Protein backbone atom coordinates (compact mmCIF):
# COMPACT_ATOMS: atom_id res chain seq x y z
CA MET A 1 -28.56 -66.52 -28.70
CA SER A 2 -30.32 -64.85 -31.62
CA GLN A 3 -33.77 -66.06 -32.66
CA GLN A 4 -35.43 -66.57 -36.01
CA LEU A 5 -39.14 -65.73 -36.14
CA THR A 6 -41.48 -66.23 -39.10
CA HIS A 7 -44.77 -64.44 -39.88
CA ASP A 8 -46.91 -63.83 -42.93
CA VAL A 9 -46.37 -60.06 -42.74
CA LEU A 10 -43.77 -58.00 -40.92
CA VAL A 11 -44.89 -54.42 -40.21
CA ILE A 12 -42.07 -52.11 -39.10
CA GLY A 13 -43.73 -49.23 -37.25
CA SER A 14 -46.70 -48.93 -34.90
CA GLY A 15 -48.37 -45.64 -35.79
CA ALA A 16 -51.70 -45.17 -37.57
CA ALA A 17 -50.43 -46.60 -40.86
CA GLY A 18 -48.84 -49.74 -39.43
CA LEU A 19 -51.61 -50.59 -36.98
CA THR A 20 -54.37 -49.93 -39.53
CA LEU A 21 -52.75 -52.31 -42.00
CA ALA A 22 -52.15 -54.94 -39.33
CA LEU A 23 -55.78 -54.85 -38.19
CA ARG A 24 -57.13 -55.06 -41.73
CA LEU A 25 -54.93 -58.10 -42.47
CA ALA A 26 -55.17 -59.88 -39.15
CA ASP A 27 -58.23 -62.05 -39.79
CA GLU A 28 -56.34 -63.99 -42.47
CA ALA A 29 -52.62 -63.58 -41.73
CA ARG A 30 -50.12 -63.72 -38.88
CA ILE A 31 -48.68 -60.25 -38.33
CA ALA A 32 -45.61 -59.01 -36.44
CA VAL A 33 -45.60 -55.29 -35.61
CA LEU A 34 -42.28 -53.82 -34.49
CA CYS A 35 -42.25 -50.84 -32.12
CA LYS A 36 -38.98 -49.01 -31.41
CA GLY A 37 -40.38 -48.19 -27.99
CA SER A 38 -44.12 -48.64 -27.67
CA PRO A 39 -47.04 -47.58 -29.91
CA GLN A 40 -47.33 -44.45 -27.75
CA ASP A 41 -43.92 -43.33 -29.02
CA ALA A 42 -45.11 -43.01 -32.63
CA SER A 43 -45.93 -39.61 -34.16
CA THR A 44 -49.59 -40.59 -34.42
CA TYR A 45 -49.98 -40.52 -30.65
CA PHE A 46 -48.90 -36.85 -30.53
CA ALA A 47 -51.06 -35.61 -33.43
CA GLN A 48 -53.43 -32.97 -32.09
CA GLY A 49 -55.42 -31.32 -34.87
CA GLY A 50 -57.36 -34.10 -36.58
CA ILE A 51 -58.02 -35.81 -39.89
CA ALA A 52 -59.13 -34.04 -43.06
CA ALA A 53 -62.13 -35.68 -44.74
CA VAL A 54 -65.18 -34.67 -46.77
CA LEU A 55 -67.97 -35.23 -44.24
CA ASP A 56 -70.12 -32.10 -44.42
CA SER A 57 -72.88 -31.68 -47.02
CA LYS A 58 -71.62 -28.17 -47.81
CA ASP A 59 -68.15 -29.51 -48.59
CA SER A 60 -67.13 -31.50 -51.67
CA ILE A 61 -64.45 -33.90 -52.85
CA GLN A 62 -63.43 -31.42 -55.53
CA SER A 63 -63.00 -28.64 -52.98
CA HIS A 64 -60.73 -30.80 -50.81
CA ILE A 65 -58.75 -31.79 -53.92
CA SER A 66 -58.41 -28.17 -55.04
CA ASP A 67 -57.24 -27.00 -51.61
CA THR A 68 -54.62 -29.76 -51.49
CA LEU A 69 -53.35 -28.93 -54.98
CA VAL A 70 -52.99 -25.25 -54.07
CA ALA A 71 -51.12 -26.05 -50.84
CA GLY A 72 -48.83 -28.42 -52.74
CA ALA A 73 -47.51 -25.56 -54.91
CA GLY A 74 -48.05 -27.28 -58.24
CA LEU A 75 -46.19 -30.49 -57.36
CA CYS A 76 -49.01 -32.74 -56.12
CA HIS A 77 -49.94 -35.70 -58.31
CA GLU A 78 -53.62 -35.08 -58.94
CA ASP A 79 -54.41 -38.78 -59.28
CA ALA A 80 -52.94 -39.46 -55.82
CA VAL A 81 -54.83 -36.52 -54.33
CA ARG A 82 -58.12 -37.66 -55.83
CA PHE A 83 -57.53 -41.27 -54.74
CA THR A 84 -56.86 -40.16 -51.15
CA VAL A 85 -59.76 -37.71 -50.87
CA GLU A 86 -62.28 -40.06 -52.48
CA HIS A 87 -61.51 -42.64 -49.79
CA SER A 88 -61.57 -40.17 -46.89
CA ARG A 89 -65.13 -40.85 -45.69
CA GLU A 90 -64.66 -44.64 -45.77
CA SER A 91 -61.45 -44.30 -43.74
CA ILE A 92 -63.13 -42.18 -41.05
CA GLU A 93 -66.08 -44.55 -40.89
CA TRP A 94 -63.65 -47.44 -40.41
CA LEU A 95 -62.07 -45.63 -37.43
CA ILE A 96 -65.48 -44.89 -35.95
CA GLY A 97 -66.33 -48.56 -36.38
CA ARG A 98 -63.21 -49.47 -34.38
CA GLY A 99 -64.41 -47.22 -31.55
CA VAL A 100 -62.55 -43.91 -31.96
CA GLN A 101 -64.54 -41.27 -30.09
CA PHE A 102 -64.49 -38.11 -32.17
CA THR A 103 -65.81 -34.81 -30.75
CA THR A 104 -69.48 -34.07 -31.36
CA GLU A 105 -71.66 -30.98 -31.05
CA SER A 106 -75.39 -30.48 -30.53
CA LYS A 107 -77.38 -28.85 -33.32
CA SER A 108 -80.48 -26.69 -32.95
CA ASP A 109 -82.64 -29.65 -33.96
CA GLY A 110 -81.26 -31.66 -31.04
CA LYS A 111 -79.12 -33.96 -33.18
CA GLU A 112 -75.50 -34.74 -32.34
CA ASN A 113 -73.12 -34.20 -35.25
CA TYR A 114 -69.37 -34.56 -35.42
CA HIS A 115 -67.66 -31.24 -34.82
CA LEU A 116 -65.52 -30.21 -37.78
CA THR A 117 -62.84 -27.56 -37.48
CA LYS A 118 -60.95 -25.55 -40.09
CA GLU A 119 -57.19 -25.31 -40.53
CA GLY A 120 -54.72 -23.42 -42.71
CA GLY A 121 -55.19 -23.99 -46.44
CA HIS A 122 -58.68 -25.48 -46.12
CA SER A 123 -61.67 -23.62 -47.56
CA HIS A 124 -64.20 -25.58 -45.47
CA ARG A 125 -64.55 -27.02 -42.00
CA ARG A 126 -63.53 -30.62 -42.69
CA ILE A 127 -61.18 -31.61 -39.85
CA ILE A 128 -62.76 -34.31 -37.69
CA HIS A 129 -61.04 -34.51 -34.32
CA ALA A 130 -61.11 -35.85 -30.78
CA ALA A 131 -60.80 -32.53 -28.88
CA ASP A 132 -57.11 -31.59 -29.39
CA ALA A 133 -55.73 -35.11 -28.90
CA THR A 134 -56.91 -36.90 -32.04
CA GLY A 135 -53.75 -38.93 -32.45
CA LYS A 136 -53.93 -40.19 -28.89
CA ALA A 137 -57.53 -41.35 -29.40
CA VAL A 138 -56.65 -43.10 -32.67
CA SER A 139 -53.45 -44.67 -31.31
CA ASN A 140 -55.03 -45.94 -28.09
CA THR A 141 -57.99 -47.44 -29.94
CA LEU A 142 -55.92 -49.20 -32.60
CA THR A 143 -53.32 -50.41 -30.08
CA SER A 144 -56.03 -51.89 -27.88
CA GLU A 145 -57.56 -53.66 -30.87
CA ALA A 146 -54.17 -55.00 -31.96
CA ASN A 147 -53.28 -56.23 -28.47
CA ASN A 148 -56.54 -58.18 -28.34
CA HIS A 149 -56.24 -59.83 -31.76
CA PRO A 150 -54.79 -63.35 -31.65
CA ASN A 151 -53.04 -62.99 -35.04
CA ILE A 152 -51.12 -59.80 -34.17
CA GLU A 153 -47.92 -59.81 -32.14
CA LEU A 154 -46.64 -56.42 -30.98
CA TYR A 155 -42.88 -56.42 -30.35
CA ASP A 156 -42.04 -53.43 -28.15
CA LEU A 157 -38.43 -52.23 -27.90
CA HIS A 158 -37.46 -53.75 -31.25
CA VAL A 159 -35.43 -51.69 -33.76
CA ALA A 160 -35.01 -52.81 -37.37
CA VAL A 161 -31.37 -52.76 -38.46
CA ASP A 162 -31.65 -53.67 -42.13
CA LEU A 163 -33.93 -55.41 -44.61
CA ILE A 164 -33.12 -58.91 -45.85
CA ILE A 165 -33.14 -59.14 -49.64
CA TYR A 166 -33.04 -62.63 -51.19
CA LYS A 167 -33.25 -63.17 -54.95
CA ARG A 168 -34.44 -59.57 -55.51
CA GLN A 169 -37.25 -60.04 -52.99
CA CYS A 170 -37.61 -58.64 -49.46
CA ILE A 171 -38.14 -61.55 -47.08
CA GLY A 172 -37.64 -59.94 -43.69
CA ALA A 173 -35.35 -57.84 -41.53
CA TYR A 174 -32.59 -58.08 -38.97
CA VAL A 175 -33.97 -56.58 -35.77
CA LEU A 176 -32.26 -55.43 -32.57
CA ASN A 177 -34.06 -56.53 -29.40
CA ARG A 178 -33.28 -53.64 -27.06
CA GLN A 179 -34.03 -55.77 -23.99
CA THR A 180 -31.61 -58.60 -24.77
CA GLY A 181 -29.13 -56.69 -26.94
CA ARG A 182 -29.22 -59.43 -29.59
CA VAL A 183 -30.10 -59.06 -33.25
CA ASP A 184 -32.91 -61.44 -34.25
CA THR A 185 -34.00 -62.52 -37.73
CA PHE A 186 -37.63 -61.81 -38.67
CA LEU A 187 -38.78 -63.54 -41.87
CA ALA A 188 -42.06 -62.77 -43.67
CA LYS A 189 -43.82 -63.12 -47.02
CA CYS A 190 -44.23 -59.34 -47.17
CA VAL A 191 -42.51 -56.54 -45.29
CA VAL A 192 -44.11 -53.14 -44.69
CA LEU A 193 -42.23 -49.98 -43.77
CA ALA A 194 -44.43 -47.69 -41.67
CA THR A 195 -41.63 -45.94 -39.83
CA GLY A 196 -42.60 -42.27 -40.09
CA GLY A 197 -40.45 -39.36 -41.20
CA ALA A 198 -37.01 -37.93 -40.53
CA SER A 199 -37.60 -34.66 -38.69
CA LYS A 200 -35.09 -35.57 -35.98
CA ALA A 201 -32.42 -34.63 -38.52
CA TYR A 202 -33.08 -31.08 -37.31
CA LEU A 203 -32.13 -29.40 -34.06
CA TYR A 204 -35.70 -28.27 -33.33
CA SER A 205 -38.46 -30.76 -34.08
CA SER A 206 -42.05 -31.37 -33.05
CA ASN A 207 -41.54 -35.12 -33.47
CA PRO A 208 -40.77 -37.85 -30.93
CA ASP A 209 -37.17 -39.05 -30.80
CA GLY A 210 -37.81 -42.14 -32.92
CA ASN A 211 -38.42 -40.22 -36.17
CA SER A 212 -34.96 -40.81 -37.54
CA GLY A 213 -35.76 -41.76 -41.14
CA ASP A 214 -35.23 -45.49 -40.56
CA GLY A 215 -37.58 -46.75 -43.26
CA ILE A 216 -36.24 -44.35 -45.89
CA ALA A 217 -32.64 -45.31 -45.13
CA MET A 218 -33.33 -49.06 -45.10
CA ALA A 219 -35.27 -48.85 -48.37
CA TRP A 220 -32.48 -46.81 -50.00
CA ARG A 221 -29.88 -49.38 -48.96
CA ALA A 222 -32.15 -52.12 -50.35
CA GLY A 223 -32.34 -50.40 -53.76
CA CYS A 224 -35.47 -48.24 -53.64
CA ARG A 225 -35.75 -44.79 -55.22
CA VAL A 226 -36.75 -41.78 -53.15
CA ALA A 227 -38.37 -38.53 -54.25
CA ASN A 228 -38.75 -34.91 -53.11
CA MET A 229 -36.67 -35.27 -49.97
CA GLU A 230 -35.94 -31.52 -50.01
CA PHE A 231 -39.47 -30.71 -48.87
CA ASN A 232 -39.29 -30.69 -45.08
CA GLN A 233 -42.29 -29.10 -43.45
CA PHE A 234 -41.55 -26.84 -40.53
CA HIS A 235 -44.57 -26.47 -38.31
CA PRO A 236 -44.92 -22.77 -37.52
CA THR A 237 -45.92 -23.14 -33.88
CA CYS A 238 -44.06 -25.34 -31.44
CA LEU A 239 -43.98 -24.37 -27.79
CA TYR A 240 -40.83 -22.40 -26.98
CA HIS A 241 -39.76 -23.18 -23.43
CA PRO A 242 -36.42 -24.47 -22.11
CA ALA A 243 -38.10 -27.33 -20.23
CA ALA A 244 -40.31 -28.46 -23.14
CA LYS A 245 -38.53 -31.15 -25.18
CA PHE A 246 -41.12 -31.05 -27.96
CA PHE A 247 -44.73 -29.94 -27.92
CA LEU A 248 -46.75 -28.90 -30.92
CA ILE A 249 -49.32 -26.13 -30.65
CA THR A 250 -52.06 -27.44 -32.93
CA GLU A 251 -52.94 -25.76 -36.21
CA ALA A 252 -56.56 -25.79 -35.03
CA LEU A 253 -55.77 -23.06 -32.50
CA ARG A 254 -55.14 -20.66 -35.37
CA GLY A 255 -58.14 -22.14 -37.18
CA GLU A 256 -60.33 -21.10 -34.27
CA GLY A 257 -59.07 -17.51 -34.28
CA GLY A 258 -55.62 -17.50 -32.66
CA HIS A 259 -53.42 -14.50 -33.56
CA LEU A 260 -49.68 -14.56 -34.20
CA LYS A 261 -47.94 -11.60 -32.58
CA LEU A 262 -44.49 -10.06 -32.24
CA PRO A 263 -42.97 -9.58 -28.77
CA ASN A 264 -44.49 -6.06 -28.70
CA GLY A 265 -47.99 -7.51 -29.25
CA GLU A 266 -48.26 -6.46 -32.91
CA ARG A 267 -49.84 -8.86 -35.41
CA PHE A 268 -47.76 -9.46 -38.55
CA MET A 269 -49.15 -12.24 -40.76
CA HIS A 270 -51.23 -9.83 -42.87
CA LYS A 271 -47.95 -8.39 -44.19
CA PHE A 272 -47.02 -11.73 -45.75
CA ASP A 273 -50.32 -13.23 -46.96
CA SER A 274 -53.92 -12.07 -47.30
CA ARG A 275 -55.05 -15.24 -45.50
CA GLY A 276 -53.18 -14.13 -42.39
CA GLU A 277 -52.80 -16.86 -39.78
CA LEU A 278 -54.66 -19.32 -42.03
CA ALA A 279 -52.06 -19.23 -44.80
CA PRO A 280 -50.37 -22.58 -45.59
CA ARG A 281 -47.72 -23.72 -43.15
CA ASP A 282 -44.69 -22.93 -45.32
CA ILE A 283 -45.74 -19.29 -45.64
CA VAL A 284 -46.46 -18.95 -41.91
CA ALA A 285 -43.18 -20.65 -40.93
CA ARG A 286 -41.13 -18.39 -43.24
CA ALA A 287 -42.92 -15.31 -41.94
CA ILE A 288 -42.13 -16.25 -38.35
CA ASP A 289 -38.52 -17.07 -39.26
CA HIS A 290 -38.20 -13.73 -41.05
CA GLU A 291 -39.56 -11.73 -38.11
CA MET A 292 -37.42 -13.58 -35.56
CA LYS A 293 -34.26 -12.91 -37.60
CA ARG A 294 -35.24 -9.30 -38.31
CA LEU A 295 -35.81 -8.54 -34.63
CA GLY A 296 -33.26 -10.92 -33.16
CA ALA A 297 -36.15 -12.42 -31.21
CA GLU A 298 -36.02 -15.89 -29.66
CA CYS A 299 -39.68 -16.54 -30.47
CA VAL A 300 -43.02 -15.01 -31.45
CA PHE A 301 -46.36 -15.46 -29.69
CA LEU A 302 -49.64 -17.21 -30.48
CA ASP A 303 -52.56 -15.64 -28.69
CA ILE A 304 -56.10 -16.99 -28.32
CA SER A 305 -56.80 -15.34 -24.97
CA HIS A 306 -59.37 -13.02 -26.60
CA LYS A 307 -61.71 -16.03 -26.86
CA PRO A 308 -63.93 -17.07 -23.91
CA ALA A 309 -62.09 -19.23 -21.36
CA ASP A 310 -64.75 -21.96 -21.54
CA PHE A 311 -64.34 -22.16 -25.32
CA ILE A 312 -60.56 -22.51 -25.00
CA SER A 313 -60.82 -25.12 -22.25
CA SER A 314 -63.32 -27.29 -24.16
CA HIS A 315 -61.57 -27.09 -27.55
CA PHE A 316 -57.94 -27.22 -26.44
CA PRO A 317 -57.73 -29.09 -23.12
CA THR A 318 -54.40 -30.75 -23.97
CA VAL A 319 -52.70 -27.52 -25.03
CA LYS A 320 -54.07 -25.70 -21.98
CA SER A 321 -52.96 -28.43 -19.59
CA ARG A 322 -49.49 -28.80 -21.08
CA CYS A 323 -48.87 -25.05 -21.16
CA LEU A 324 -49.96 -24.75 -17.53
CA GLU A 325 -47.17 -27.20 -16.66
CA TYR A 326 -44.77 -24.48 -17.82
CA GLY A 327 -46.62 -21.63 -16.11
CA ILE A 328 -48.48 -20.39 -19.21
CA ASP A 329 -52.25 -19.85 -18.93
CA ILE A 330 -53.48 -19.73 -22.53
CA THR A 331 -56.86 -18.31 -21.46
CA SER A 332 -55.18 -15.09 -20.32
CA GLU A 333 -51.77 -14.84 -22.00
CA PRO A 334 -50.07 -15.66 -25.33
CA ILE A 335 -48.01 -18.79 -25.98
CA PRO A 336 -44.32 -18.41 -26.97
CA VAL A 337 -43.76 -20.37 -30.20
CA VAL A 338 -41.04 -21.13 -32.79
CA PRO A 339 -41.06 -23.11 -36.05
CA ALA A 340 -39.74 -26.68 -35.84
CA ALA A 341 -39.18 -29.55 -38.25
CA HIS A 342 -42.47 -31.38 -38.41
CA TYR A 343 -43.10 -33.52 -41.48
CA THR A 344 -41.15 -35.21 -44.27
CA CYS A 345 -43.14 -34.65 -47.48
CA GLY A 346 -40.88 -36.81 -49.65
CA GLY A 347 -39.79 -40.38 -49.14
CA ILE A 348 -39.79 -43.86 -50.63
CA ILE A 349 -41.47 -43.95 -54.03
CA VAL A 350 -44.58 -46.16 -53.91
CA ASP A 351 -47.56 -46.82 -56.15
CA GLU A 352 -51.24 -46.61 -55.25
CA GLN A 353 -51.01 -49.90 -53.32
CA GLY A 354 -47.90 -48.97 -51.37
CA LYS A 355 -45.54 -51.12 -53.46
CA THR A 356 -41.89 -50.04 -53.58
CA ASP A 357 -39.22 -50.82 -56.19
CA VAL A 358 -38.28 -54.02 -54.34
CA ASN A 359 -40.57 -57.04 -54.66
CA HIS A 360 -42.70 -57.81 -51.60
CA LEU A 361 -41.57 -54.62 -49.87
CA TYR A 362 -44.32 -52.10 -49.13
CA ALA A 363 -44.25 -48.68 -47.51
CA ILE A 364 -47.08 -46.54 -46.13
CA GLY A 365 -47.47 -43.28 -44.22
CA GLU A 366 -44.96 -40.48 -43.74
CA THR A 367 -42.01 -42.59 -44.85
CA THR A 368 -43.37 -42.61 -48.42
CA PHE A 369 -43.70 -40.43 -51.49
CA THR A 370 -47.20 -40.99 -52.90
CA GLY A 371 -47.59 -37.67 -54.71
CA LEU A 372 -50.26 -36.47 -52.28
CA HIS A 373 -48.34 -33.69 -50.53
CA GLY A 374 -46.43 -32.07 -53.37
CA ALA A 375 -44.13 -29.28 -52.21
CA ASN A 376 -46.09 -28.65 -49.02
CA ARG A 377 -48.41 -30.91 -47.03
CA MET A 378 -51.80 -29.42 -46.23
CA ALA A 379 -52.80 -29.64 -42.58
CA SER A 380 -54.44 -32.88 -41.41
CA ASN A 381 -53.91 -34.76 -44.69
CA SER A 382 -51.18 -36.89 -43.10
CA LEU A 383 -53.28 -39.20 -40.93
CA LEU A 384 -55.70 -39.50 -43.84
CA GLU A 385 -52.88 -40.71 -46.09
CA CYS A 386 -51.92 -43.33 -43.49
CA LEU A 387 -55.46 -44.71 -43.39
CA VAL A 388 -56.12 -44.68 -47.13
CA TYR A 389 -52.85 -46.27 -48.21
CA ALA A 390 -52.98 -48.85 -45.43
CA ARG A 391 -56.33 -49.89 -46.88
CA SER A 392 -55.03 -50.13 -50.44
CA ALA A 393 -51.84 -51.95 -49.39
CA PHE A 394 -54.00 -54.45 -47.51
CA SER A 395 -55.77 -55.44 -50.72
CA SER A 396 -52.46 -56.09 -52.50
CA ILE A 397 -50.74 -57.91 -49.63
CA GLN A 398 -53.85 -60.01 -49.06
CA GLU A 399 -53.43 -61.50 -52.52
CA GLN A 400 -49.64 -61.68 -52.49
CA ILE A 401 -49.26 -63.75 -49.32
CA LYS A 402 -51.50 -66.47 -50.81
CA THR A 403 -48.89 -67.37 -53.43
CA THR A 404 -45.64 -66.47 -51.66
CA SER A 405 -43.20 -68.70 -49.85
CA ILE A 406 -40.05 -67.77 -47.95
CA PRO A 407 -36.89 -69.71 -47.14
CA LYS A 408 -37.17 -71.86 -44.03
CA SER A 409 -34.03 -70.30 -42.62
CA MET A 410 -31.53 -67.53 -43.29
CA PRO A 411 -28.09 -66.83 -41.82
CA HIS A 412 -28.18 -65.28 -38.37
CA TRP A 413 -26.78 -61.82 -37.80
CA ASP A 414 -23.00 -62.07 -37.75
CA GLU A 415 -21.25 -60.00 -35.10
CA SER A 416 -18.18 -62.22 -34.74
CA GLN A 417 -15.90 -59.46 -36.06
CA VAL A 418 -17.16 -56.61 -33.85
CA THR A 419 -16.68 -55.65 -30.20
CA ASP A 420 -18.51 -53.65 -27.54
CA SER A 421 -17.87 -49.95 -27.91
CA ASP A 422 -16.12 -47.89 -25.27
CA GLU A 423 -16.49 -44.70 -27.35
CA ASP A 424 -20.22 -43.92 -27.35
CA VAL A 425 -19.26 -40.25 -27.10
CA VAL A 426 -18.69 -40.47 -30.87
CA ILE A 427 -22.39 -41.21 -31.37
CA SER A 428 -23.48 -38.38 -29.10
CA HIS A 429 -21.11 -35.86 -30.70
CA ASN A 430 -22.02 -36.78 -34.27
CA TRP A 431 -25.74 -36.73 -33.47
CA HIS A 432 -25.54 -33.14 -32.21
CA GLU A 433 -23.28 -32.00 -35.03
CA LEU A 434 -25.64 -33.43 -37.65
CA ARG A 435 -28.76 -31.81 -36.21
CA ARG A 436 -27.03 -28.45 -35.78
CA PHE A 437 -25.68 -28.14 -39.34
CA MET A 438 -28.97 -29.37 -40.79
CA TRP A 439 -30.78 -26.62 -38.88
CA ASP A 440 -28.27 -23.93 -39.82
CA TYR A 441 -27.70 -24.87 -43.48
CA VAL A 442 -30.69 -26.92 -44.67
CA GLY A 443 -33.50 -25.20 -42.77
CA ILE A 444 -36.39 -22.89 -43.63
CA VAL A 445 -34.28 -20.59 -45.87
CA ARG A 446 -31.43 -22.09 -47.92
CA THR A 447 -28.58 -21.04 -50.22
CA ASP A 448 -26.23 -23.00 -52.48
CA LYS A 449 -23.29 -22.15 -50.23
CA ARG A 450 -25.08 -23.43 -47.13
CA LEU A 451 -26.11 -26.64 -48.88
CA GLN A 452 -22.57 -27.34 -50.09
CA ARG A 453 -21.25 -26.80 -46.57
CA ALA A 454 -23.83 -29.23 -45.26
CA LEU A 455 -22.95 -31.82 -47.91
CA ARG A 456 -19.25 -31.72 -47.00
CA ARG A 457 -20.02 -32.25 -43.34
CA ALA A 458 -22.53 -35.00 -44.09
CA THR A 459 -19.99 -36.86 -46.21
CA LEU A 460 -17.39 -36.76 -43.43
CA LEU A 461 -19.89 -37.88 -40.82
CA GLN A 462 -21.06 -40.69 -43.09
CA GLN A 463 -17.48 -42.02 -43.26
CA GLU A 464 -17.02 -41.82 -39.49
CA ILE A 465 -20.30 -43.55 -38.78
CA ASP A 466 -19.74 -46.30 -41.35
CA GLU A 467 -16.35 -47.05 -39.79
CA TYR A 468 -17.91 -47.12 -36.32
CA TYR A 469 -20.74 -49.39 -37.53
CA SER A 470 -18.21 -51.82 -39.03
CA ASN A 471 -16.22 -52.22 -35.81
CA TYR A 472 -18.70 -52.17 -32.94
CA LYS A 473 -21.87 -53.96 -31.91
CA VAL A 474 -25.02 -52.16 -32.92
CA SER A 475 -27.09 -50.16 -30.46
CA SER A 476 -30.36 -48.31 -30.88
CA ASP A 477 -28.54 -44.96 -30.93
CA LEU A 478 -26.04 -46.16 -33.54
CA ILE A 479 -28.79 -47.56 -35.79
CA GLU A 480 -30.70 -44.27 -35.66
CA LEU A 481 -27.61 -42.16 -36.27
CA ARG A 482 -26.57 -44.33 -39.24
CA ASN A 483 -30.03 -43.93 -40.76
CA LEU A 484 -30.30 -40.23 -39.98
CA ILE A 485 -27.02 -39.24 -41.63
CA MET A 486 -28.00 -41.19 -44.74
CA VAL A 487 -31.38 -39.47 -44.95
CA ALA A 488 -29.78 -36.09 -44.23
CA GLU A 489 -27.53 -36.60 -47.24
CA LEU A 490 -30.57 -37.46 -49.38
CA ILE A 491 -32.27 -34.25 -48.21
CA ILE A 492 -29.19 -32.17 -49.03
CA ARG A 493 -28.61 -33.73 -52.47
CA SER A 494 -32.29 -33.25 -53.35
CA ALA A 495 -32.18 -29.60 -52.25
CA ILE A 496 -29.05 -28.97 -54.33
CA GLN A 497 -30.79 -30.35 -57.42
CA ARG A 498 -33.82 -28.04 -57.14
CA LYS A 499 -32.88 -24.73 -58.79
CA GLU A 500 -36.02 -22.84 -57.78
CA SER A 501 -38.07 -21.90 -54.75
CA ARG A 502 -41.25 -23.93 -54.42
CA GLY A 503 -43.39 -24.67 -51.38
CA LEU A 504 -41.23 -25.78 -48.49
CA HIS A 505 -37.97 -25.43 -50.41
CA TYR A 506 -37.02 -21.75 -50.34
CA THR A 507 -33.57 -20.66 -51.57
CA LEU A 508 -32.22 -17.13 -51.78
CA ASP A 509 -30.19 -18.08 -54.86
CA TYR A 510 -33.28 -19.11 -56.85
CA PRO A 511 -36.21 -17.14 -55.35
CA ASN A 512 -38.56 -17.68 -58.32
CA THR A 513 -40.71 -20.70 -59.12
CA LYS A 514 -40.23 -22.43 -62.48
CA SER A 515 -43.22 -22.68 -64.81
CA GLU A 516 -42.86 -26.46 -65.04
CA ALA A 517 -43.08 -28.51 -61.85
CA GLN A 518 -40.88 -31.60 -61.63
CA ASP A 519 -40.21 -34.11 -58.87
CA THR A 520 -36.68 -34.64 -57.60
CA ILE A 521 -35.96 -38.37 -57.90
CA LEU A 522 -32.82 -40.01 -56.52
CA LYS A 523 -31.84 -43.49 -57.59
CA PRO A 524 -29.41 -45.70 -55.59
CA ASP A 525 -26.51 -47.47 -57.27
CA ASN A 526 -28.16 -50.84 -56.64
CA PHE A 527 -31.53 -49.82 -58.09
CA PRO A 528 -33.08 -53.08 -59.40
CA ASN A 529 -34.55 -51.49 -62.57
CA LYS A 530 -37.89 -53.04 -61.79
CA PRO A 531 -40.28 -52.71 -64.78
C-alpha cells in the first residue's frame, strides 16, 4: 500500500545543488532527498574539470565576470553573473570546510597552494579541482555528510512523478518507489527541484541516463515559465569508442596544452578561432562538427601525448585509466573524440533565491534559468552555480518553513483505472526515435525545415506517450520518457522562436546575430500570473 511521508523540505535530486542545500538546512529542518538511483548517478559525480572561482591574487572578480559575459554571447544577465562570482570564494571555502580534498602544489617558498588550472574562455587560471575527478570528490564528501546527519533522509531509487499543487502552493510530490513499484505521497513545506538538465534528449550525450529533464517538465506542468531552452551545450570532446556508453574528456586537458587533430594528424582549430583549442565550447564543437561532416569522418582526435608522461599521469589519472580500459594510452597516442550533448543552459525561471513562479517551489542547479550562462555556459561555472544558489535558496527556505503549514493528508495516488503494461516496446521505440530526431534536427547546426520536422514528430510522440501514460501503471522508464518528450518540445519551440544565430544556437537560415539580445521565454497555459 502507498505511504504518505511528511518533511519540512523535499529536495528532488542528489547532486551538488541538492546535497548542498540539504546540508545547509539540516540543523534546523527535516529534509528528504530523493535519488533516482543513488547520489553517484548524478551529473556532479562525473564532473572532471573543476569549479571556477576567484582564488588567485592575480585574478579578479571583474575578470571572471567579463570572461563569463563574453562566453555567454551577450545574453548573460550581468547581475546574476556578478552575484555568482562574488560568492565563489565563500562557496569553495564551504566545500573545503566539509572536507573536499582539492589538488595542491608546492611553491618555491615551500608553501602548499591549491593548484588552479585554466579552461576554454577563461583569461586566468581559476579552476580549483581534485585531480581530474572533482565531481567525484565533491559528491562523495557531501553524500557522506548527508548520510551521517540525523535530519537528512536519503531515498535511493525514488523517482518523482509529479508535483502536488494545493491552493496555488507546492506542498509535495507523488513519487515512484522503484523497489516496491508503488507511488508514495511526499508532503513538505517547501519543495526544491535539483534534478539536473535534459541532455538525454540527444542520441550522444556525456550525461548519465537520469538527465531526462524531470524538474523542467514537472515545473512546466505545475505552471512555471521556462527560458532559453534552445541553448544546449555540446561538449566538444567525448570519448568515441563503441564500448564507451558515455565518458567526457575534460576541458582541462585542452587547458593544459592538448591539441585537436584531424585523422591525418593535422591541427585545425586555428582556422576557426584565434584562441585555438581554448576557444569557448560552442565554437570548438561547431568546428569539430564541421570537419567531421566535411571529411565524412567518424571522429577527430585530442592529443596530449607531446607532454611528459608523468605530467599526464598526475594531472589526468581518471582519463588515463578509463582510456586504457579501451586500449588507448593517452601518454603515447591521441584520443578519438566527438561532440555530445552536455549541458542545458536554459530551464525553469528562478530569482536570486531560487524561487519559481509557484509558491513554495524552488529550483537550483542545471534545471534552472538564472541568467548566469547566457547563450553559452563557460567551463566550470556550473558547479559554482549549484553551490551559490543552494546557499541563497537556503536563506529563503529557512525563513519560509517557520511560518508554513501543510495539510495533514492528501489523496493517495490513484491507479484504479490503469493496468500493467504488456507493451513496453512502445517506450523503448519512442525513446530511440526521440533521441535520434533531436540529434539529426535540433543538434549543433539547425535550420527552420529541420526544426519543423522535429516539432511534427514531437507532437505525435507526445500524443502516443500521453495515451500510454493514461492507461498503464507508471514505471521509471515511462516517467522519464514523458518528461523528456515534453522538454524536447520546449527546446524545439524555443529554437523556432529565435531568428538569429547566437552562442549555442546556430541556424543556417539566420547566420547573423541580432544587435539586441533577448531571452526566449515560454509560458504554460496554466501560468499563475504570480506578481
